[in-house]
Amino acid sequence: MSARMFSGTSVFSLLLLLILGATACQNDATVQGEKVQEIIPSKEATNAEIIRNPVSADEVVDKDKVAIMTFKETEYDFGTIKEGEVVKHTFSFVNTGKVPLLISNARSTCGCTVPKWPKEPIAPGESGKIKVRFNSTNKRDRQNKPVTITANTYPNNTVVHIKGFVQSDKSTAEKQ
């Protein structure tokens, strides 16, 4: 090999790669002008404890540490409605766990389905309601909308469904 095989650009590129490699593995970084520090858990902490989950992946689930949402129904079929109608349904549940139930979020896959949930803790043995409103505007045919409820339960997400058939002038004409 001759020295002519390495151009000035190649040497510069090699040096740049070495410098980047040497500085890439630091614990502190800067993102958009703000210093970001890597979180390094203690030896005793697990990932589940870091995100404040009441259970750990390393142990059997202790039912005394979690709330349990027991629904009367997890699916509601609103039947057939005309496009543009709004359907409302209430999913009732009981906290059958031994600790207060805290619902942090309830969401659906689109803006047509809007859930409302209790913001206050629900004591063991007490009941609560998730109210769901489905707007069928611009929706046609078979609909199945999941509502995902996030709480201090195991697993921490519970899903209920609202479903049915939305009949539009277009879908009625197609059937004839």
N, C-alpha and C. Protein backbone atom coordinates (compact mmCIF):
# COMPACT_ATOMS: atom_id res chain seq x y z
N MET A 1 0.83 -1.18 0.00
CA MET A 1 0.00 0.00 0.00
C MET A 1 0.88 1.25 0.00
N SER A 2 0.47 2.19 -0.72
CA SER A 2 1.23 3.42 -0.74
C SER A 2 0.53 4.49 0.09
N ALA A 3 1.24 5.50 0.46
CA ALA A 3 0.70 6.60 1.26
C ALA A 3 -0.28 7.43 0.46
N ARG A 4 -0.22 7.31 -0.85
CA ARG A 4 -1.12 8.09 -1.70
C ARG A 4 -2.56 7.60 -1.63
N MET A 5 -2.81 6.41 -1.11
CA MET A 5 -4.17 5.87 -1.04
C MET A 5 -5.03 6.63 -0.04
N PHE A 6 -4.40 7.28 0.95
CA PHE A 6 -5.14 8.05 1.93
C PHE A 6 -5.08 9.51 1.55
N SER A 7 -6.21 10.07 1.24
CA SER A 7 -6.25 11.48 0.90
C SER A 7 -6.46 12.29 2.17
N GLY A 8 -6.36 13.58 2.07
CA GLY A 8 -6.59 14.46 3.21
C GLY A 8 -8.00 14.32 3.74
N THR A 9 -8.97 14.11 2.86
CA THR A 9 -10.36 13.95 3.26
C THR A 9 -10.55 12.66 4.04
N SER A 10 -9.89 11.58 3.63
CA SER A 10 -10.00 10.30 4.33
C SER A 10 -9.44 10.39 5.73
N VAL A 11 -8.31 11.05 5.87
CA VAL A 11 -7.69 11.21 7.19
C VAL A 11 -8.59 12.04 8.09
N PHE A 12 -9.13 13.12 7.54
CA PHE A 12 -10.04 13.97 8.31
C PHE A 12 -11.28 13.19 8.74
N SER A 13 -11.86 12.41 7.86
CA SER A 13 -13.04 11.60 8.18
C SER A 13 -12.73 10.59 9.27
N LEU A 14 -11.57 9.96 9.19
CA LEU A 14 -11.17 8.99 10.20
C LEU A 14 -11.00 9.65 11.56
N LEU A 15 -10.36 10.82 11.59
CA LEU A 15 -10.20 11.55 12.85
C LEU A 15 -11.54 11.98 13.42
N LEU A 16 -12.45 12.43 12.58
CA LEU A 16 -13.79 12.83 13.02
C LEU A 16 -14.53 11.66 13.64
N LEU A 17 -14.46 10.50 13.03
CA LEU A 17 -15.11 9.31 13.58
C LEU A 17 -14.52 8.93 14.94
N LEU A 18 -13.22 9.01 15.08
CA LEU A 18 -12.58 8.70 16.36
C LEU A 18 -13.01 9.67 17.45
N ILE A 19 -13.10 10.95 17.13
CA ILE A 19 -13.52 11.96 18.12
C ILE A 19 -14.97 11.74 18.51
N LEU A 20 -15.83 11.50 17.55
CA LEU A 20 -17.25 11.25 17.85
C LEU A 20 -17.43 10.00 18.69
N GLY A 21 -16.69 8.96 18.37
CA GLY A 21 -16.78 7.72 19.13
C GLY A 21 -16.33 7.90 20.56
N ALA A 22 -15.33 8.71 20.78
CA ALA A 22 -14.80 8.90 22.13
C ALA A 22 -15.72 9.74 22.99
N THR A 23 -16.50 10.64 22.39
CA THR A 23 -17.36 11.53 23.17
C THR A 23 -18.80 11.09 23.22
N ALA A 24 -19.19 10.07 22.49
CA ALA A 24 -20.61 9.69 22.39
C ALA A 24 -21.15 9.01 23.64
N CYS A 25 -20.34 8.44 24.46
CA CYS A 25 -20.82 7.65 25.60
C CYS A 25 -20.70 8.37 26.93
N GLN A 26 -21.03 9.63 26.98
CA GLN A 26 -21.01 10.36 28.24
C GLN A 26 -22.39 10.29 28.88
N ASN A 27 -22.47 10.38 30.21
CA ASN A 27 -23.76 10.33 30.91
C ASN A 27 -24.56 11.60 30.74
N ASP A 28 -23.91 12.73 30.56
CA ASP A 28 -24.62 13.99 30.39
C ASP A 28 -24.62 14.36 28.92
N ALA A 29 -25.74 14.93 28.47
CA ALA A 29 -25.85 15.35 27.08
C ALA A 29 -26.59 16.68 27.05
N THR A 30 -26.55 17.33 25.92
CA THR A 30 -27.28 18.58 25.76
C THR A 30 -28.30 18.39 24.65
N VAL A 31 -29.55 18.72 24.95
CA VAL A 31 -30.62 18.63 23.98
C VAL A 31 -31.28 20.00 23.92
N GLN A 32 -31.25 20.62 22.76
CA GLN A 32 -31.82 21.94 22.53
C GLN A 32 -31.37 22.93 23.61
N GLY A 33 -30.08 22.91 23.92
CA GLY A 33 -29.53 23.87 24.85
C GLY A 33 -29.71 23.54 26.32
N GLU A 34 -30.44 22.48 26.66
CA GLU A 34 -30.65 22.10 28.05
C GLU A 34 -29.86 20.84 28.36
N LYS A 35 -29.28 20.82 29.55
CA LYS A 35 -28.50 19.67 29.97
C LYS A 35 -29.44 18.53 30.35
N VAL A 36 -29.17 17.34 29.83
CA VAL A 36 -29.98 16.16 30.11
C VAL A 36 -29.07 15.15 30.79
N GLN A 37 -29.51 14.61 31.92
CA GLN A 37 -28.70 13.66 32.65
C GLN A 37 -29.36 12.29 32.59
N GLU A 38 -28.56 11.27 32.33
CA GLU A 38 -29.05 9.90 32.28
C GLU A 38 -29.45 9.46 33.68
N ILE A 39 -30.59 8.78 33.80
CA ILE A 39 -31.05 8.26 35.08
C ILE A 39 -30.46 6.87 35.26
N ILE A 40 -29.70 6.71 36.31
CA ILE A 40 -29.10 5.42 36.60
C ILE A 40 -29.74 4.91 37.89
N PRO A 41 -30.55 3.85 37.81
CA PRO A 41 -31.24 3.37 39.00
C PRO A 41 -30.28 2.74 40.00
N SER A 42 -30.73 2.72 41.25
CA SER A 42 -29.92 2.04 42.26
C SER A 42 -29.99 0.54 42.00
N LYS A 43 -29.11 -0.21 42.65
CA LYS A 43 -29.07 -1.65 42.43
C LYS A 43 -30.35 -2.32 42.91
N GLU A 44 -31.03 -1.73 43.89
CA GLU A 44 -32.25 -2.33 44.43
C GLU A 44 -33.48 -2.02 43.58
N ALA A 45 -33.47 -0.91 42.84
CA ALA A 45 -34.65 -0.47 42.09
C ALA A 45 -34.79 -1.26 40.79
N THR A 46 -36.02 -1.57 40.44
CA THR A 46 -36.29 -2.20 39.15
C THR A 46 -36.94 -1.16 38.25
N ASN A 47 -37.02 -1.44 36.96
CA ASN A 47 -37.66 -0.51 36.04
C ASN A 47 -39.09 -0.22 36.45
N ALA A 48 -39.81 -1.22 36.91
CA ALA A 48 -41.20 -1.02 37.32
C ALA A 48 -41.29 -0.03 38.47
N GLU A 49 -40.34 -0.08 39.41
CA GLU A 49 -40.37 0.85 40.52
C GLU A 49 -40.01 2.26 40.07
N ILE A 50 -39.17 2.39 39.07
CA ILE A 50 -38.79 3.71 38.58
C ILE A 50 -40.00 4.41 37.99
N ILE A 51 -40.85 3.71 37.28
CA ILE A 51 -42.04 4.33 36.69
C ILE A 51 -43.24 4.28 37.63
N ARG A 52 -42.99 3.97 38.89
CA ARG A 52 -44.00 3.97 39.95
C ARG A 52 -45.14 3.00 39.68
N ASN A 53 -44.81 1.87 39.13
CA ASN A 53 -45.77 0.80 38.92
C ASN A 53 -45.86 0.00 40.21
N PRO A 54 -47.05 -0.37 40.66
CA PRO A 54 -47.16 -1.06 41.94
C PRO A 54 -46.68 -2.50 41.93
N VAL A 55 -46.28 -3.03 40.78
CA VAL A 55 -45.80 -4.40 40.73
C VAL A 55 -44.43 -4.43 40.07
N SER A 56 -43.71 -5.50 40.26
CA SER A 56 -42.38 -5.65 39.71
C SER A 56 -42.35 -6.86 38.80
N ALA A 57 -41.57 -6.80 37.74
CA ALA A 57 -41.45 -7.92 36.81
C ALA A 57 -40.71 -9.09 37.43
N ASP A 58 -39.98 -8.82 38.50
CA ASP A 58 -39.18 -9.86 39.14
C ASP A 58 -39.93 -10.67 40.18
N GLU A 59 -41.15 -10.30 40.49
CA GLU A 59 -41.88 -10.99 41.54
C GLU A 59 -43.31 -11.31 41.11
N VAL A 60 -43.94 -12.21 41.82
CA VAL A 60 -45.33 -12.56 41.56
C VAL A 60 -46.19 -11.37 41.97
N VAL A 61 -47.26 -11.11 41.21
CA VAL A 61 -48.12 -9.98 41.50
C VAL A 61 -48.79 -10.16 42.86
N ASP A 62 -48.61 -9.18 43.72
CA ASP A 62 -49.24 -9.19 45.04
C ASP A 62 -50.55 -8.42 44.92
N LYS A 63 -51.66 -9.11 44.96
CA LYS A 63 -52.97 -8.48 44.77
C LYS A 63 -53.29 -7.45 45.84
N ASP A 64 -52.54 -7.44 46.95
CA ASP A 64 -52.76 -6.45 48.00
C ASP A 64 -52.19 -5.09 47.62
N LYS A 65 -51.32 -5.04 46.60
CA LYS A 65 -50.66 -3.79 46.22
C LYS A 65 -51.34 -3.09 45.05
N VAL A 66 -52.35 -3.70 44.45
CA VAL A 66 -52.98 -3.11 43.27
C VAL A 66 -54.49 -3.00 43.44
N ALA A 67 -55.05 -2.04 42.73
CA ALA A 67 -56.50 -1.93 42.64
C ALA A 67 -56.97 -2.87 41.53
N ILE A 68 -58.21 -3.29 41.60
CA ILE A 68 -58.75 -4.19 40.57
C ILE A 68 -60.07 -3.60 40.08
N MET A 69 -60.14 -3.34 38.78
CA MET A 69 -61.38 -2.82 38.18
C MET A 69 -62.20 -4.01 37.69
N THR A 70 -63.38 -4.20 38.27
CA THR A 70 -64.27 -5.27 37.83
C THR A 70 -65.48 -4.61 37.17
N PHE A 71 -65.59 -4.78 35.85
CA PHE A 71 -66.66 -4.15 35.07
C PHE A 71 -67.88 -5.05 35.01
N LYS A 72 -69.06 -4.43 34.98
CA LYS A 72 -70.29 -5.18 34.75
C LYS A 72 -70.31 -5.68 33.31
N GLU A 73 -69.76 -4.87 32.40
CA GLU A 73 -69.64 -5.24 30.98
C GLU A 73 -68.42 -4.53 30.42
N THR A 74 -67.75 -5.15 29.48
CA THR A 74 -66.59 -4.53 28.86
C THR A 74 -66.85 -4.20 27.39
N GLU A 75 -68.07 -4.46 26.94
CA GLU A 75 -68.43 -4.20 25.55
C GLU A 75 -69.88 -3.73 25.50
N TYR A 76 -70.13 -2.68 24.71
CA TYR A 76 -71.49 -2.18 24.52
C TYR A 76 -71.75 -2.08 23.04
N ASP A 77 -72.83 -2.73 22.58
CA ASP A 77 -73.24 -2.68 21.18
C ASP A 77 -74.42 -1.74 21.06
N PHE A 78 -74.22 -0.61 20.39
CA PHE A 78 -75.30 0.37 20.25
C PHE A 78 -76.25 0.04 19.11
N GLY A 79 -76.04 -1.05 18.42
CA GLY A 79 -76.95 -1.48 17.36
C GLY A 79 -76.72 -0.68 16.09
N THR A 80 -77.81 -0.32 15.40
CA THR A 80 -77.72 0.44 14.16
C THR A 80 -78.23 1.85 14.41
N ILE A 81 -77.42 2.82 14.01
CA ILE A 81 -77.81 4.23 14.12
C ILE A 81 -77.56 4.91 12.79
N LYS A 82 -78.14 6.10 12.61
CA LYS A 82 -77.91 6.88 11.40
C LYS A 82 -76.66 7.73 11.58
N GLU A 83 -75.93 7.90 10.48
CA GLU A 83 -74.73 8.72 10.52
C GLU A 83 -75.06 10.11 11.04
N GLY A 84 -74.22 10.59 11.95
CA GLY A 84 -74.43 11.90 12.55
C GLY A 84 -75.02 11.83 13.95
N GLU A 85 -75.60 10.69 14.31
CA GLU A 85 -76.14 10.54 15.67
C GLU A 85 -75.02 10.39 16.67
N VAL A 86 -75.30 10.78 17.90
CA VAL A 86 -74.35 10.65 19.00
C VAL A 86 -74.89 9.62 19.98
N VAL A 87 -74.05 8.65 20.32
CA VAL A 87 -74.43 7.58 21.25
C VAL A 87 -73.63 7.77 22.54
N LYS A 88 -74.30 7.61 23.66
CA LYS A 88 -73.62 7.69 24.95
C LYS A 88 -73.85 6.39 25.71
N HIS A 89 -72.80 5.95 26.42
CA HIS A 89 -72.94 4.76 27.25
C HIS A 89 -72.05 4.91 28.48
N THR A 90 -72.51 4.34 29.58
CA THR A 90 -71.75 4.39 30.83
C THR A 90 -71.32 2.97 31.20
N PHE A 91 -70.01 2.79 31.34
CA PHE A 91 -69.44 1.52 31.80
C PHE A 91 -69.27 1.62 33.32
N SER A 92 -69.97 0.78 34.05
CA SER A 92 -69.87 0.78 35.52
C SER A 92 -68.88 -0.28 35.97
N PHE A 93 -68.16 0.04 37.04
CA PHE A 93 -67.18 -0.89 37.58
C PHE A 93 -67.12 -0.75 39.10
N VAL A 94 -66.50 -1.74 39.73
CA VAL A 94 -66.28 -1.73 41.17
C VAL A 94 -64.79 -1.97 41.40
N ASN A 95 -64.21 -1.26 42.35
CA ASN A 95 -62.83 -1.52 42.75
C ASN A 95 -62.86 -2.71 43.70
N THR A 96 -62.52 -3.88 43.18
CA THR A 96 -62.52 -5.09 44.00
C THR A 96 -61.14 -5.38 44.59
N GLY A 97 -60.21 -4.43 44.45
CA GLY A 97 -58.88 -4.58 45.05
C GLY A 97 -58.90 -4.12 46.49
N LYS A 98 -57.72 -4.09 47.08
CA LYS A 98 -57.58 -3.72 48.49
C LYS A 98 -56.95 -2.36 48.71
N VAL A 99 -56.68 -1.63 47.61
CA VAL A 99 -56.12 -0.28 47.70
C VAL A 99 -56.98 0.66 46.85
N PRO A 100 -56.93 1.97 47.12
CA PRO A 100 -57.71 2.91 46.31
C PRO A 100 -57.32 2.86 44.84
N LEU A 101 -58.32 2.96 43.98
CA LEU A 101 -58.12 2.94 42.52
C LEU A 101 -57.89 4.36 42.04
N LEU A 102 -56.81 4.55 41.29
CA LEU A 102 -56.48 5.84 40.71
C LEU A 102 -56.43 5.71 39.20
N ILE A 103 -57.37 6.31 38.50
CA ILE A 103 -57.38 6.28 37.03
C ILE A 103 -56.63 7.51 36.55
N SER A 104 -55.56 7.30 35.81
CA SER A 104 -54.75 8.42 35.33
C SER A 104 -55.15 8.87 33.93
N ASN A 105 -55.81 7.99 33.16
CA ASN A 105 -56.15 8.37 31.80
C ASN A 105 -57.18 7.40 31.23
N ALA A 106 -57.96 7.88 30.27
CA ALA A 106 -58.84 7.05 29.46
C ALA A 106 -58.82 7.68 28.07
N ARG A 107 -58.57 6.87 27.06
CA ARG A 107 -58.44 7.40 25.71
C ARG A 107 -58.97 6.41 24.69
N SER A 108 -59.28 6.94 23.51
CA SER A 108 -59.72 6.10 22.42
C SER A 108 -58.80 6.32 21.23
N THR A 109 -59.08 5.61 20.16
CA THR A 109 -58.21 5.67 18.99
C THR A 109 -58.51 6.85 18.08
N CYS A 110 -59.64 7.52 18.29
CA CYS A 110 -59.94 8.70 17.45
C CYS A 110 -60.79 9.68 18.25
N GLY A 111 -60.90 10.88 17.73
CA GLY A 111 -61.64 11.94 18.41
C GLY A 111 -63.15 11.76 18.42
N CYS A 112 -63.66 10.78 17.69
CA CYS A 112 -65.10 10.54 17.65
C CYS A 112 -65.59 9.86 18.93
N THR A 113 -64.69 9.25 19.68
CA THR A 113 -65.05 8.53 20.90
C THR A 113 -64.34 9.20 22.07
N VAL A 114 -65.15 9.81 22.96
CA VAL A 114 -64.58 10.60 24.05
C VAL A 114 -65.01 10.01 25.39
N PRO A 115 -64.05 9.52 26.18
CA PRO A 115 -64.38 9.00 27.52
C PRO A 115 -64.20 10.07 28.60
N LYS A 116 -65.00 9.95 29.66
CA LYS A 116 -64.84 10.77 30.87
C LYS A 116 -64.75 9.79 32.03
N TRP A 117 -63.80 10.03 32.93
CA TRP A 117 -63.54 9.11 34.03
C TRP A 117 -63.43 9.87 35.34
N PRO A 118 -63.62 9.19 36.46
CA PRO A 118 -63.49 9.85 37.75
C PRO A 118 -62.04 10.23 38.03
N LYS A 119 -61.83 11.45 38.48
CA LYS A 119 -60.47 11.93 38.75
C LYS A 119 -60.06 11.66 40.20
N GLU A 120 -61.02 11.44 41.08
CA GLU A 120 -60.72 11.19 42.48
C GLU A 120 -60.51 9.70 42.73
N PRO A 121 -59.75 9.34 43.78
CA PRO A 121 -59.53 7.92 44.09
C PRO A 121 -60.85 7.21 44.44
N ILE A 122 -60.94 5.96 44.04
CA ILE A 122 -62.12 5.14 44.34
C ILE A 122 -61.69 4.09 45.35
N ALA A 123 -62.30 4.15 46.51
CA ALA A 123 -61.92 3.27 47.62
C ALA A 123 -62.27 1.82 47.30
N PRO A 124 -61.58 0.87 47.95
CA PRO A 124 -61.93 -0.55 47.78
C PRO A 124 -63.41 -0.78 48.11
N GLY A 125 -64.07 -1.53 47.23
CA GLY A 125 -65.49 -1.82 47.41
C GLY A 125 -66.42 -0.77 46.83
N GLU A 126 -65.90 0.37 46.48
CA GLU A 126 -66.72 1.45 45.91
C GLU A 126 -66.83 1.28 44.39
N SER A 127 -67.83 1.94 43.81
CA SER A 127 -68.04 1.84 42.36
C SER A 127 -67.70 3.15 41.67
N GLY A 128 -67.53 3.06 40.37
CA GLY A 128 -67.25 4.22 39.55
C GLY A 128 -67.82 4.02 38.16
N LYS A 129 -67.73 5.07 37.35
CA LYS A 129 -68.29 5.01 36.00
C LYS A 129 -67.35 5.67 35.00
N ILE A 130 -67.25 5.04 33.84
CA ILE A 130 -66.56 5.61 32.69
C ILE A 130 -67.65 5.95 31.68
N LYS A 131 -67.84 7.23 31.41
CA LYS A 131 -68.86 7.66 30.45
C LYS A 131 -68.21 7.83 29.09
N VAL A 132 -68.81 7.22 28.07
CA VAL A 132 -68.24 7.27 26.72
C VAL A 132 -69.27 7.88 25.77
N ARG A 133 -68.79 8.81 24.95
CA ARG A 133 -69.64 9.48 23.96
C ARG A 133 -69.05 9.19 22.59
N PHE A 134 -69.87 8.62 21.69
CA PHE A 134 -69.44 8.30 20.32
C PHE A 134 -70.22 9.15 19.34
N ASN A 135 -69.53 9.94 18.53
CA ASN A 135 -70.14 10.79 17.51
C ASN A 135 -69.94 10.11 16.16
N SER A 136 -71.03 9.75 15.50
CA SER A 136 -70.95 8.98 14.26
C SER A 136 -70.82 9.83 13.00
N THR A 137 -70.62 11.13 13.14
CA THR A 137 -70.44 11.99 11.97
C THR A 137 -69.22 11.51 11.17
N ASN A 138 -69.43 11.35 9.88
CA ASN A 138 -68.38 10.87 8.95
C ASN A 138 -67.91 9.45 9.26
N LYS A 139 -68.71 8.69 9.95
CA LYS A 139 -68.41 7.27 10.21
C LYS A 139 -69.47 6.45 9.47
N ARG A 140 -69.04 5.36 8.89
CA ARG A 140 -69.97 4.52 8.14
C ARG A 140 -69.71 3.06 8.44
N ASP A 141 -70.77 2.29 8.33
CA ASP A 141 -70.69 0.83 8.42
C ASP A 141 -70.31 0.37 9.83
N ARG A 142 -69.66 -0.77 9.94
CA ARG A 142 -69.33 -1.39 11.23
C ARG A 142 -68.29 -0.54 11.96
N GLN A 143 -68.56 -0.24 13.22
CA GLN A 143 -67.64 0.53 14.06
C GLN A 143 -67.33 -0.26 15.33
N ASN A 144 -66.08 -0.25 15.74
CA ASN A 144 -65.64 -0.88 16.98
C ASN A 144 -64.57 0.02 17.57
N LYS A 145 -64.92 0.78 18.60
CA LYS A 145 -64.01 1.76 19.17
C LYS A 145 -63.56 1.32 20.56
N PRO A 146 -62.26 1.05 20.72
CA PRO A 146 -61.74 0.70 22.05
C PRO A 146 -61.52 1.95 22.89
N VAL A 147 -61.72 1.81 24.19
CA VAL A 147 -61.38 2.86 25.16
C VAL A 147 -60.38 2.21 26.13
N THR A 148 -59.17 2.74 26.17
CA THR A 148 -58.12 2.20 27.02
C THR A 148 -58.04 3.02 28.30
N ILE A 149 -58.19 2.34 29.44
CA ILE A 149 -58.19 2.98 30.75
C ILE A 149 -56.87 2.63 31.42
N THR A 150 -56.12 3.65 31.83
CA THR A 150 -54.85 3.46 32.51
C THR A 150 -55.03 3.77 33.99
N ALA A 151 -54.65 2.81 34.84
CA ALA A 151 -54.85 2.96 36.29
C ALA A 151 -53.79 2.17 37.05
N ASN A 152 -53.84 2.25 38.37
CA ASN A 152 -52.91 1.50 39.22
C ASN A 152 -53.41 0.08 39.43
N THR A 153 -53.65 -0.60 38.32
CA THR A 153 -54.14 -1.98 38.31
C THR A 153 -53.07 -2.87 37.68
N TYR A 154 -53.31 -4.16 37.68
CA TYR A 154 -52.42 -5.08 36.97
C TYR A 154 -53.26 -5.93 36.04
N PRO A 155 -53.02 -5.85 34.72
CA PRO A 155 -52.12 -4.93 34.06
C PRO A 155 -52.65 -3.50 34.18
N ASN A 156 -51.80 -2.51 33.92
CA ASN A 156 -52.21 -1.13 34.16
C ASN A 156 -53.15 -0.58 33.09
N ASN A 157 -53.37 -1.29 32.00
CA ASN A 157 -54.34 -0.87 30.98
C ASN A 157 -55.49 -1.86 30.91
N THR A 158 -56.71 -1.33 30.92
CA THR A 158 -57.93 -2.12 30.75
C THR A 158 -58.66 -1.54 29.55
N VAL A 159 -59.20 -2.39 28.69
CA VAL A 159 -59.86 -1.92 27.48
C VAL A 159 -61.33 -2.32 27.50
N VAL A 160 -62.20 -1.33 27.21
CA VAL A 160 -63.62 -1.57 26.99
C VAL A 160 -63.93 -1.14 25.56
N HIS A 161 -65.01 -1.67 24.98
CA HIS A 161 -65.33 -1.37 23.57
C HIS A 161 -66.76 -0.87 23.44
N ILE A 162 -66.93 0.08 22.52
CA ILE A 162 -68.26 0.51 22.09
C ILE A 162 -68.33 0.22 20.60
N LYS A 163 -69.39 -0.48 20.19
CA LYS A 163 -69.45 -0.89 18.79
C LYS A 163 -70.88 -0.86 18.28
N GLY A 164 -71.00 -0.97 16.97
CA GLY A 164 -72.31 -0.98 16.32
C GLY A 164 -72.16 -0.71 14.84
N PHE A 165 -73.30 -0.40 14.21
CA PHE A 165 -73.32 -0.16 12.77
C PHE A 165 -73.86 1.24 12.52
N VAL A 166 -73.12 2.02 11.72
CA VAL A 166 -73.55 3.37 11.37
C VAL A 166 -74.07 3.33 9.94
N GLN A 167 -75.34 3.65 9.81
CA GLN A 167 -76.00 3.60 8.51
C GLN A 167 -76.02 5.01 7.92
N SER A 168 -75.46 5.15 6.73
CA SER A 168 -75.48 6.43 6.05
C SER A 168 -76.35 6.32 4.81
N ASP A 169 -76.67 7.45 4.20
CA ASP A 169 -77.45 7.43 2.97
C ASP A 169 -76.71 6.64 1.90
N LYS A 170 -75.38 6.77 1.89
CA LYS A 170 -74.55 6.07 0.91
C LYS A 170 -74.59 4.56 1.16
N SER A 171 -74.44 4.11 2.43
CA SER A 171 -74.43 2.68 2.70
C SER A 171 -75.82 2.07 2.49
N THR A 172 -76.89 2.85 2.72
CA THR A 172 -78.25 2.37 2.46
C THR A 172 -78.46 2.17 0.96
N ALA A 173 -77.96 3.13 0.15
CA ALA A 173 -78.11 3.03 -1.29
C ALA A 173 -77.32 1.85 -1.86
N GLU A 174 -76.15 1.57 -1.27
CA GLU A 174 -75.32 0.46 -1.74
C GLU A 174 -75.97 -0.87 -1.48
N LYS A 175 -76.76 -0.98 -0.40
CA LYS A 175 -77.40 -2.26 -0.06
C LYS A 175 -78.58 -2.56 -0.96
N GLN A 176 -79.18 -1.53 -1.58
CA GLN A 176 -80.37 -1.73 -2.40
C GLN A 176 -80.04 -2.14 -3.80
